[in-house]
Every structure is written in C-alpha cells, then in structure tokens.
Amino acid sequence: MTDNRYPTFGQALTGWMNDHRYSCHRLADALGIKSATTVSRLRLDRCKVSSCEEFLSLLESTLPVTEQERYRLHLGIDVLKYGTSYYENYTTFDHVIFGEQAQVDENLPIVQAFAALKNASRCEVLCLHCVVPEVFAAFQALLRETTGSVEIRHFVSLERQQNLNCYLDNALPLIANSAYHAKLLLQTSRLGMPASNFLLVRYLENGQLYQRLILPRDGGEYNCCPLDRDSALFDFFYKIINNAAPDSSNVVDILHMNMVKDINQLFMRKTAEEKNSEILLLSSDLFMSVLPTDVLVGSMCRHLMLNPLDSEIINLRSQFYLKRANLLQKKQPTIQLTSRRTFERLAREGLTPYTSFVDALMPIRDRRIILQSILEAMEKNPNFRVHLSSSEEIFSQTTILLTDKRLSFFNQPDARHIPNF
C-alpha cells in the first residue's frame, strides 16, 4: 500500500487496489457495484464520509482485507472526518508518552495526580474508560474540594460487561452532579485510540493554562505527563470520542434503567427472604419499603425522569407493593429503630436521604401520606413497629438488618448512599 504520511480514505483505497491489482472496473464487478465511476469517485475523495463507510463495510465483508489494511482504511476515513491533524495529534500523543524529552511523574496515586487541580479557577477533565473505583473517588474529591468551576466528561465503553458493572457500583454519587457528564462508547475498536484508558486535564490557575495527560499503570498508580500550553490534544480527542458516542446513549439514562432492573431482582430476592421472618432494622434512615408504593414509585419516576408506564416500572411497582405488604401485614414482628432527627426532617422539611433515587424534597401531600400510612399500619398490625431514638450516638455509618435467617451489614458512605430497602 502507499506510504503517504497522512493518507485520506481515497489514498488508502488506491494503495489497497494497487497492492491487489484491482482496477476500478474490476473492483466494482467484484463488489456488485453497477458503475465503476463510484469507485473512481471514492479514490478521489469525492464522496461523503457515510458513503465511504458503507463502501468499506461492503469491501470488508466481500473481499479479503488484512488487519493492517483494515486499520489503515478506517484511519483514512477518520482523516476525512477530522483532517490531517488526526495523524499529527497521534504523533504528538506518542511523543508525550515515549519521547526522550518527556517529563513524567511516575507511579502516582490518582488523587495525587489530581492534587494540583484544587486551586484551579477552572478545570476540565476528559476521561476515556478508566472505569475503576479510585478514578470515581478522585472525581468526587475534585468536585468537592476544587474552589473553581469543574467539568468532567467521561466516555465509558460497554464492549465489556464488567465496565458497566463497575460503573453501576461506583457512579451513583456522581450522576446527579451537573458538572459530571458521561456517554457510552459502543464500538471503541473503531476509534483507533493510541491508549484504551487515559485522562486529559486542562486547568487555569493564576491566569496560566496548564494541561496534563494522565495514564493508568498496573497496581492502581498513574503516570502524569505535562503537555505544552498550546497542545490541541484535549479538543482533538474530545471531538473524536464525542462523535463516536451517539446522543441516545447517555450513561445516566441506561444507568437508571439498569438500576430499575437491579432493584426489581433485589426486591424479588429480599421479599422471599423476609417472608414469614422476624425482622429488626437498625438504621438512621427510615426503611424505604414502608413508604407507600404510589408515593415511592411516583417520586422515583419524577426524579429519574422515567416513564411510569414502562414495563420495568410496572414490574417495580408490583415488587414494591408485595414487599411492603409483607412487611406491614405478616404475623412475625417487623421492628425498625431509626433516628428521631431523620424522621422529623422528613415530616417538617420533606428532606429524604435517598437523593439518588427519589425527590430530595418530598411535597407536603406525600409527607402526610407517608406518616399517615405508617400510623395506620402500626394500628392495624401490632407486629409492625417503628421506634424513634433521640440519641444519634447509637447510629454509625453501618446499617444492621437482622432476620431469623441471616444478619446483614451495609456500609453507608458519606455521599448519597444506597437506601435501606
């Protein structure tokens, strides 16, 4: 194939045709294309990018194409999309990582790599993948401690299920923050990225612009590489990655629906465990399952912008109802010891601790329904009791759930935590 420094798709296709001795007429016949003029226009880069992509898909599915040839043809399409700067920036990227003059702070914890950002008046983070707990913790610390404005753009690959699982486990404290934006990448192999995980940071401090490239290493440590102040890598990679992430693939939307599915499965399992069991719950928060089903599901749909008529939501409503009915109506005791302060804040101010799931402020009407339903349940069933403690000292950051079948502990982080179902 040709050895042009920055080949377009037409140049890459011409090189492939020369290597395999295809004329425009012969290649058109082999691919079932009616006119050889189409191939000629592709060679001259006189077709739309979408037409080049359709042609390449046909070529790959019809004729033998090596991995090296496929890579070069796909990059040629990217050159049409983004210009010759595509290759130039990749060369810059490689020079930063491997160049002899590169000044790299090696083997740093991610929090230390972010330490310089705390005094920034403005900070932008572009993150590709890096779906590991320490990165999410560093994002939370950055949003909490940085004095200036912060914007985090996180692009997550779903080609591997473990990426989504890790995201579900760690992203809840971030998704409600307006400074954190995330999208899915469904086909990262098409990006041709020089690294599968990296962070680019651009920040302003004392009127000076600084840029950093942060690369993960084994063992949870990171290398931090300074970039020139006029480096175009941040905007360059953001343009490529953002264009590869379809608008309909917002992580928050998919996370919410996966959350609903997970809660459905959780409720089915826990309802079976709690049936005909004695239950003792020690928690500073009110047992979420005692809230009236319509209030709880309605608030969740409003907060997460979910369709109440979606089949998953209908299933969730049914599971909520069955679990609540079991807790409030069974003959075996269900006893919760909770904080008087938490209960009063809900009653007087409408404050709820479940801000990842429901409205942070419950309307007065819903508060009345909640309190009345709990009183009615205790009146109808002497085995159901909610006790309030004025002492906060007995409540730690751990919830204790005791049934006659098992004992469970749930750690509650300082940020919005998973509620006690």
Protein backbone atom coordinates (compact mmCIF):
# COMPACT_ATOMS: atom_id res chain seq x y z
CA MET A 1 0.00 0.00 0.00
CA THR A 2 1.05 3.62 -0.38
CA ASP A 3 3.21 5.15 2.30
CA ASN A 4 1.74 8.65 2.39
CA ARG A 5 2.29 10.29 5.75
CA TYR A 6 -1.36 11.37 6.17
CA PRO A 7 -3.41 9.27 3.70
CA THR A 8 -7.10 10.03 3.20
CA PHE A 9 -9.55 7.20 2.58
CA GLY A 10 -9.20 7.66 -1.18
CA GLN A 11 -5.41 7.41 -0.96
CA ALA A 12 -5.61 4.38 1.33
CA LEU A 13 -8.11 2.72 -1.04
CA THR A 14 -5.88 3.48 -4.02
CA GLY A 15 -2.94 1.86 -2.25
CA TRP A 16 -5.03 -1.23 -1.43
CA MET A 17 -6.21 -1.51 -5.05
CA ASN A 18 -2.65 -1.19 -6.36
CA ASP A 19 -1.39 -3.84 -3.93
CA HIS A 20 -4.11 -6.27 -5.02
CA ARG A 21 -4.10 -5.23 -8.70
CA TYR A 22 -7.68 -4.04 -8.85
CA SER A 23 -8.85 -1.53 -11.44
CA CYS A 24 -11.99 0.50 -10.83
CA HIS A 25 -13.99 -1.72 -13.22
CA ARG A 26 -12.67 -4.98 -11.71
CA LEU A 27 -13.32 -3.88 -8.12
CA ALA A 28 -16.84 -2.65 -9.00
CA ASP A 29 -17.62 -6.05 -10.57
CA ALA A 30 -16.20 -7.93 -7.55
CA LEU A 31 -18.37 -5.90 -5.15
CA GLY A 32 -21.51 -5.91 -7.28
CA ILE A 33 -21.42 -2.15 -7.85
CA LYS A 34 -23.15 -1.11 -11.08
CA SER A 35 -20.81 1.72 -12.05
CA ALA A 36 -17.01 1.90 -11.89
CA THR A 37 -17.45 5.67 -11.59
CA THR A 38 -18.46 5.16 -7.94
CA VAL A 39 -15.10 3.53 -7.18
CA SER A 40 -13.30 6.28 -9.09
CA ARG A 41 -15.07 8.98 -7.04
CA LEU A 42 -14.15 7.16 -3.81
CA ARG A 43 -10.48 7.08 -4.86
CA LEU A 44 -10.58 10.83 -5.45
CA ASP A 45 -12.30 11.54 -2.06
CA ARG A 46 -15.32 13.00 -3.84
CA CYS A 47 -17.91 11.07 -1.80
CA LYS A 48 -19.49 11.72 1.57
CA VAL A 49 -17.96 10.10 4.63
CA SER A 50 -21.09 7.97 5.07
CA SER A 51 -20.67 6.65 1.51
CA CYS A 52 -17.02 5.78 2.25
CA GLU A 53 -18.10 3.92 5.39
CA GLU A 54 -20.77 1.94 3.50
CA PHE A 55 -18.26 1.07 0.78
CA LEU A 56 -15.65 -0.05 3.30
CA SER A 57 -18.21 -2.25 5.07
CA LEU A 58 -19.04 -3.88 1.73
CA LEU A 59 -15.36 -4.32 0.90
CA GLU A 60 -14.57 -5.96 4.25
CA SER A 61 -17.48 -8.38 4.00
CA THR A 62 -16.77 -9.37 0.39
CA LEU A 63 -13.01 -9.45 -0.18
CA PRO A 64 -10.01 -10.46 1.97
CA VAL A 65 -8.67 -7.49 3.95
CA THR A 66 -5.82 -7.88 6.45
CA GLU A 67 -5.94 -6.27 9.89
CA GLN A 68 -3.23 -3.81 8.89
CA GLU A 69 -5.13 -2.87 5.73
CA ARG A 70 -8.41 -2.54 7.64
CA TYR A 71 -6.75 -0.31 10.22
CA ARG A 72 -5.30 1.95 7.52
CA LEU A 73 -8.59 2.22 5.63
CA HIS A 74 -10.54 3.08 8.77
CA LEU A 75 -7.99 5.71 9.74
CA GLY A 76 -8.30 7.12 6.24
CA ILE A 77 -11.99 7.70 6.89
CA ASP A 78 -11.08 9.43 10.15
CA VAL A 79 -8.72 11.72 8.24
CA LEU A 80 -11.68 12.70 6.05
CA LYS A 81 -13.75 13.37 9.19
CA TYR A 82 -11.17 15.26 11.24
CA GLY A 83 -8.47 16.40 8.82
CA THR A 84 -4.75 15.68 8.69
CA SER A 85 -4.44 16.86 12.30
CA TYR A 86 -5.72 13.38 13.19
CA TYR A 87 -2.33 11.81 12.48
CA GLU A 88 -0.38 14.81 13.70
CA ASN A 89 -2.03 14.64 17.12
CA TYR A 90 -1.47 10.92 17.37
CA THR A 91 2.21 11.58 16.72
CA THR A 92 2.15 14.20 19.49
CA PHE A 93 0.43 11.71 21.81
CA ASP A 94 3.12 9.09 21.17
CA HIS A 95 5.89 11.66 21.65
CA VAL A 96 4.48 12.71 25.02
CA ILE A 97 4.38 9.11 26.21
CA PHE A 98 7.54 7.71 24.64
CA GLY A 99 9.67 10.72 23.77
CA GLU A 100 13.10 11.00 25.33
CA GLN A 101 12.41 14.56 26.50
CA ALA A 102 9.11 13.71 28.19
CA GLN A 103 9.00 14.78 31.84
CA VAL A 104 6.78 12.24 33.52
CA ASP A 105 5.77 11.98 37.18
CA GLU A 106 5.56 8.22 37.51
CA ASN A 107 3.61 5.84 39.75
CA LEU A 108 1.35 8.38 41.47
CA PRO A 109 -1.99 7.61 43.13
CA ILE A 110 -4.75 9.20 41.05
CA VAL A 111 -5.69 11.53 43.92
CA GLN A 112 -2.12 12.86 43.97
CA ALA A 113 -2.17 13.28 40.20
CA PHE A 114 -5.27 15.46 40.70
CA ALA A 115 -3.80 17.38 43.65
CA ALA A 116 -2.64 20.32 41.53
CA LEU A 117 -6.23 20.98 40.43
CA LYS A 118 -7.58 22.01 43.85
CA ASN A 119 -6.59 25.67 43.43
CA ALA A 120 -7.65 25.94 39.79
CA SER A 121 -10.14 28.64 38.87
CA ARG A 122 -11.38 26.41 36.06
CA CYS A 123 -10.80 22.73 35.38
CA GLU A 124 -11.83 20.41 32.52
CA VAL A 125 -11.31 16.63 32.56
CA LEU A 126 -11.68 14.32 29.58
CA CYS A 127 -11.67 10.67 30.61
CA LEU A 128 -11.72 7.67 28.27
CA HIS A 129 -12.79 4.49 30.12
CA CYS A 130 -10.76 4.34 33.38
CA VAL A 131 -13.71 2.52 34.96
CA VAL A 132 -12.03 1.78 38.29
CA PRO A 133 -13.10 2.79 41.83
CA GLU A 134 -10.13 5.08 42.51
CA VAL A 135 -10.96 7.27 39.49
CA PHE A 136 -14.56 7.71 40.64
CA ALA A 137 -13.29 8.58 44.13
CA ALA A 138 -10.89 11.13 42.62
CA PHE A 139 -13.75 12.67 40.62
CA GLN A 140 -15.82 13.03 43.82
CA ALA A 141 -12.90 14.64 45.64
CA LEU A 142 -12.28 17.01 42.71
CA LEU A 143 -15.92 18.13 42.64
CA ARG A 144 -15.96 18.50 46.41
CA GLU A 145 -12.62 20.26 47.02
CA THR A 146 -11.81 22.35 43.94
CA THR A 147 -12.62 26.02 44.51
CA GLY A 148 -13.26 26.88 40.86
CA SER A 149 -15.59 25.51 38.21
CA VAL A 150 -15.19 21.86 37.18
CA GLU A 151 -16.42 19.97 34.14
CA ILE A 152 -15.83 16.22 33.78
CA ARG A 153 -16.58 14.40 30.53
CA HIS A 154 -16.41 10.64 30.94
CA PHE A 155 -16.72 8.24 28.00
CA VAL A 156 -17.31 4.64 29.01
CA SER A 157 -17.01 1.54 26.84
CA LEU A 158 -19.76 -1.05 27.13
CA GLU A 159 -17.97 -3.60 24.97
CA ARG A 160 -17.18 -5.39 28.22
CA GLN A 161 -19.93 -6.15 30.75
CA GLN A 162 -17.55 -5.62 33.67
CA ASN A 163 -17.25 -1.95 32.68
CA LEU A 164 -21.00 -1.45 33.15
CA ASN A 165 -20.98 -3.46 36.38
CA CYS A 166 -18.18 -1.33 37.81
CA TYR A 167 -19.95 1.82 36.64
CA LEU A 168 -23.16 0.77 38.37
CA ASP A 169 -21.21 0.11 41.56
CA ASN A 170 -19.35 3.44 41.65
CA ALA A 171 -21.15 6.13 39.65
CA LEU A 172 -24.20 6.83 41.82
CA PRO A 173 -22.62 9.70 43.82
CA LEU A 174 -21.68 11.40 40.53
CA ILE A 175 -24.58 11.08 38.12
CA ALA A 176 -26.75 13.71 39.80
CA ASN A 177 -23.95 16.31 39.69
CA SER A 178 -24.40 18.74 36.80
CA ALA A 179 -20.61 19.02 36.38
CA TYR A 180 -20.28 15.32 35.53
CA HIS A 181 -21.23 14.20 32.01
CA ALA A 182 -20.99 10.62 30.77
CA LYS A 183 -21.73 8.83 27.50
CA LEU A 184 -21.41 5.29 26.20
CA LEU A 185 -18.99 4.11 23.55
CA LEU A 186 -20.39 1.05 21.84
CA GLN A 187 -17.59 0.46 19.29
CA THR A 188 -14.30 1.67 20.71
CA SER A 189 -12.36 -0.54 18.32
CA ARG A 190 -13.34 1.88 15.55
CA LEU A 191 -11.69 4.79 17.34
CA GLY A 192 -8.14 3.58 16.73
CA MET A 193 -7.15 5.20 20.03
CA PRO A 194 -3.46 5.06 20.99
CA ALA A 195 -4.41 4.07 24.55
CA SER A 196 -7.52 2.33 25.86
CA ASN A 197 -7.56 4.27 29.15
CA PHE A 198 -6.39 7.83 29.72
CA LEU A 199 -7.35 11.19 31.18
CA LEU A 200 -6.64 14.62 29.73
CA VAL A 201 -6.80 17.56 32.13
CA ARG A 202 -6.87 21.24 31.22
CA TYR A 203 -6.97 23.81 34.01
CA LEU A 204 -6.48 27.51 34.67
CA GLU A 205 -4.51 28.71 37.70
CA ASN A 206 -3.42 32.29 38.38
CA GLY A 207 -4.29 33.18 34.81
CA GLN A 208 -1.99 30.47 33.39
CA LEU A 209 -3.24 27.49 31.35
CA TYR A 210 -1.86 24.03 32.19
CA GLN A 211 -2.51 20.67 30.57
CA ARG A 212 -1.77 17.12 31.72
CA LEU A 213 -2.05 13.64 30.25
CA ILE A 214 -2.68 11.00 32.93
CA LEU A 215 -2.14 7.33 32.10
CA PRO A 216 -3.05 4.38 34.37
CA ARG A 217 -0.35 1.89 35.33
CA ASP A 218 -0.54 -1.51 37.00
CA GLY A 219 -1.38 -1.57 40.68
CA GLY A 220 -3.71 1.43 40.71
CA GLU A 221 -0.96 4.01 40.07
CA TYR A 222 -0.73 6.63 37.33
CA ASN A 223 1.82 8.50 35.24
CA CYS A 224 1.25 12.23 34.85
CA CYS A 225 2.74 13.82 31.69
CA PRO A 226 2.79 17.64 31.28
CA LEU A 227 1.70 18.98 27.89
CA ASP A 228 2.53 22.21 26.10
CA ARG A 229 0.10 25.00 26.93
CA ASP A 230 -0.91 25.25 23.27
CA SER A 231 -1.40 21.47 22.88
CA ALA A 232 -4.52 20.59 20.88
CA LEU A 233 -4.84 17.05 22.26
CA PHE A 234 -7.78 17.82 24.56
CA ASP A 235 -10.04 19.32 21.88
CA PHE A 236 -8.81 16.82 19.30
CA PHE A 237 -9.67 13.70 21.28
CA TYR A 238 -12.90 15.18 22.63
CA LYS A 239 -14.11 15.76 19.08
CA ILE A 240 -13.27 12.20 18.01
CA ILE A 241 -14.68 10.45 21.07
CA ASN A 242 -17.80 12.59 21.34
CA ASN A 243 -18.66 11.96 17.69
CA ALA A 244 -18.34 8.23 18.34
CA ALA A 245 -20.84 8.38 21.21
CA PRO A 246 -24.44 8.57 19.90
CA ASP A 247 -26.71 11.12 21.56
CA SER A 248 -29.14 8.39 22.60
CA SER A 249 -26.51 6.59 24.66
CA ASN A 250 -26.36 8.89 27.66
CA VAL A 251 -24.96 6.82 30.52
CA VAL A 252 -27.41 8.24 33.05
CA ASP A 253 -30.44 7.02 31.10
CA ILE A 254 -29.07 3.49 30.74
CA LEU A 255 -27.84 3.52 34.32
CA HIS A 256 -31.32 4.41 35.53
CA MET A 257 -32.98 1.58 33.62
CA ASN A 258 -30.34 -0.90 34.74
CA MET A 259 -30.88 0.40 38.26
CA VAL A 260 -34.60 -0.36 37.96
CA LYS A 261 -33.86 -3.88 36.71
CA ASP A 262 -31.39 -4.45 39.53
CA ILE A 263 -33.88 -3.20 42.13
CA ASN A 264 -36.55 -5.49 40.68
CA GLN A 265 -34.29 -8.51 41.10
CA LEU A 266 -33.23 -7.33 44.56
CA PHE A 267 -36.83 -6.95 45.69
CA MET A 268 -37.82 -10.39 44.44
CA ARG A 269 -34.96 -11.95 46.39
CA LYS A 270 -35.44 -9.91 49.56
CA THR A 271 -39.23 -10.41 49.59
CA ALA A 272 -38.66 -14.15 49.55
CA GLU A 273 -36.07 -13.87 52.34
CA GLU A 274 -38.28 -11.70 54.54
CA LYS A 275 -41.47 -13.72 54.13
CA ASN A 276 -42.52 -15.26 57.46
CA SER A 277 -39.36 -13.87 59.08
CA GLU A 278 -38.81 -11.73 62.14
CA ILE A 279 -37.05 -8.52 61.11
CA LEU A 280 -35.05 -5.99 63.10
CA LEU A 281 -33.56 -2.99 61.27
CA LEU A 282 -31.18 -0.58 62.99
CA SER A 283 -30.59 2.43 60.77
CA SER A 284 -30.51 6.22 60.92
CA ASP A 285 -32.80 6.18 57.84
CA LEU A 286 -36.40 5.09 57.56
CA PHE A 287 -36.90 1.67 55.99
CA MET A 288 -37.67 2.64 52.37
CA SER A 289 -40.01 -0.29 51.89
CA VAL A 290 -42.52 1.08 54.42
CA LEU A 291 -43.17 4.12 52.23
CA PRO A 292 -46.47 3.90 50.30
CA THR A 293 -45.93 2.33 46.88
CA ASP A 294 -47.55 5.12 44.83
CA VAL A 295 -45.55 7.82 46.64
CA LEU A 296 -42.26 5.97 46.30
CA VAL A 297 -42.58 4.96 42.63
CA GLY A 298 -44.03 8.32 41.63
CA SER A 299 -41.16 10.19 43.26
CA MET A 300 -38.62 7.85 41.68
CA CYS A 301 -40.10 8.37 38.20
CA ARG A 302 -40.07 12.16 38.62
CA HIS A 303 -36.53 12.25 39.96
CA LEU A 304 -35.02 9.84 37.42
CA MET A 305 -37.28 11.02 34.57
CA LEU A 306 -38.64 7.53 33.95
CA ASN A 307 -41.88 6.61 32.19
CA PRO A 308 -44.30 5.21 34.81
CA LEU A 309 -45.91 3.10 32.07
CA ASP A 310 -42.64 1.36 31.16
CA SER A 311 -42.85 -2.38 31.72
CA GLU A 312 -39.88 -2.32 34.09
CA ILE A 313 -41.52 0.40 36.19
CA ILE A 314 -44.80 -1.55 36.29
CA ASN A 315 -42.87 -4.61 37.49
CA LEU A 316 -41.06 -2.46 40.04
CA ARG A 317 -44.35 -1.08 41.37
CA SER A 318 -45.63 -4.63 41.80
CA GLN A 319 -42.47 -5.68 43.65
CA PHE A 320 -42.64 -2.60 45.91
CA TYR A 321 -46.25 -3.41 46.75
CA LEU A 322 -45.57 -7.09 47.55
CA LYS A 323 -42.56 -6.30 49.70
CA ARG A 324 -44.35 -3.55 51.62
CA ALA A 325 -47.42 -5.72 52.14
CA ASN A 326 -45.23 -8.50 53.52
CA LEU A 327 -43.52 -6.13 55.98
CA LEU A 328 -46.72 -4.50 57.22
CA GLN A 329 -49.11 -7.47 57.31
CA LYS A 330 -47.16 -10.57 58.33
CA LYS A 331 -47.64 -12.13 61.75
CA GLN A 332 -43.93 -12.18 62.59
CA PRO A 333 -42.53 -8.95 64.12
CA THR A 334 -41.04 -6.22 61.92
CA ILE A 335 -39.27 -3.62 64.07
CA GLN A 336 -37.23 -0.63 62.95
CA LEU A 337 -35.19 1.58 65.25
CA THR A 338 -34.45 4.82 63.46
CA SER A 339 -33.33 8.37 64.17
CA ARG A 340 -35.88 10.84 65.52
CA ARG A 341 -33.95 13.62 63.76
CA THR A 342 -34.27 11.89 60.37
CA PHE A 343 -37.97 11.32 60.94
CA GLU A 344 -38.56 14.93 61.96
CA ARG A 345 -36.66 16.31 58.96
CA LEU A 346 -38.83 14.20 56.66
CA ALA A 347 -42.02 15.32 58.41
CA ARG A 348 -41.21 19.03 58.78
CA GLU A 349 -38.95 19.79 55.83
CA GLY A 350 -39.58 16.92 53.42
CA LEU A 351 -35.88 16.03 53.38
CA THR A 352 -35.06 12.49 52.28
CA PRO A 353 -31.69 10.71 52.36
CA TYR A 354 -32.44 8.83 49.14
CA THR A 355 -31.48 11.57 46.68
CA SER A 356 -30.06 9.13 44.12
CA PHE A 357 -33.50 7.54 43.81
CA VAL A 358 -36.31 9.91 44.80
CA ASP A 359 -37.01 13.63 45.19
CA ALA A 360 -34.65 15.33 47.63
CA LEU A 361 -37.65 17.28 48.97
CA MET A 362 -40.93 15.42 49.40
CA PRO A 363 -44.04 17.59 48.80
CA ILE A 364 -46.33 18.16 51.80
CA ARG A 365 -49.03 15.92 50.36
CA ASP A 366 -46.62 12.97 50.07
CA ARG A 367 -45.28 13.58 53.58
CA ARG A 368 -48.77 13.38 55.02
CA ILE A 369 -49.48 10.18 53.14
CA ILE A 370 -46.22 8.61 54.40
CA LEU A 371 -46.81 9.48 58.06
CA GLN A 372 -50.49 8.51 57.97
CA SER A 373 -49.73 5.17 56.31
CA ILE A 374 -47.11 4.28 58.95
CA LEU A 375 -49.51 5.14 61.79
CA GLU A 376 -52.32 3.12 60.20
CA ALA A 377 -50.02 0.14 59.67
CA MET A 378 -48.98 0.15 63.34
CA GLU A 379 -52.63 0.43 64.42
CA LYS A 380 -53.74 -2.49 62.25
CA ASN A 381 -50.81 -4.81 62.98
CA PRO A 382 -49.21 -4.83 66.44
CA ASN A 383 -46.30 -6.82 64.99
CA PHE A 384 -45.16 -3.82 62.92
CA ARG A 385 -43.37 -1.11 64.87
CA VAL A 386 -41.21 1.94 64.13
CA HIS A 387 -39.26 3.22 67.16
CA LEU A 388 -37.52 6.59 67.22
CA SER A 389 -34.30 7.30 69.10
CA SER A 390 -33.31 10.80 70.20
CA SER A 391 -29.70 9.65 70.60
CA GLU A 392 -27.64 9.81 67.42
CA GLU A 393 -24.72 8.00 69.02
CA ILE A 394 -26.21 4.54 68.52
CA PHE A 395 -26.25 5.06 64.76
CA SER A 396 -22.98 4.61 62.92
CA GLN A 397 -22.31 4.58 59.20
CA THR A 398 -23.45 0.96 59.16
CA THR A 399 -27.00 -0.33 58.78
CA ILE A 400 -27.78 -3.60 60.57
CA LEU A 401 -30.56 -5.82 59.22
CA LEU A 402 -31.36 -8.88 61.34
CA THR A 403 -33.83 -11.58 60.38
CA ASP A 404 -34.22 -15.01 61.85
CA LYS A 405 -32.47 -16.31 58.74
CA ARG A 406 -29.48 -14.00 58.37
CA LEU A 407 -27.61 -10.95 59.66
CA SER A 408 -26.55 -8.27 57.15
CA PHE A 409 -24.39 -5.15 57.40
CA PHE A 410 -24.46 -2.32 54.85
CA ASN A 411 -21.80 0.39 54.87
CA GLN A 412 -23.12 3.86 54.13
CA PRO A 413 -20.67 6.32 52.53
CA ASP A 414 -20.90 10.00 53.35
CA ALA A 415 -22.41 10.86 49.96
CA ARG A 416 -25.85 9.77 48.76
CA HIS A 417 -25.98 6.11 49.64
CA ILE A 418 -27.94 3.08 48.59
CA PRO A 419 -31.21 3.21 50.57
CA ASN A 420 -32.39 0.60 53.03
CA PHE A 421 -34.95 -1.36 51.07
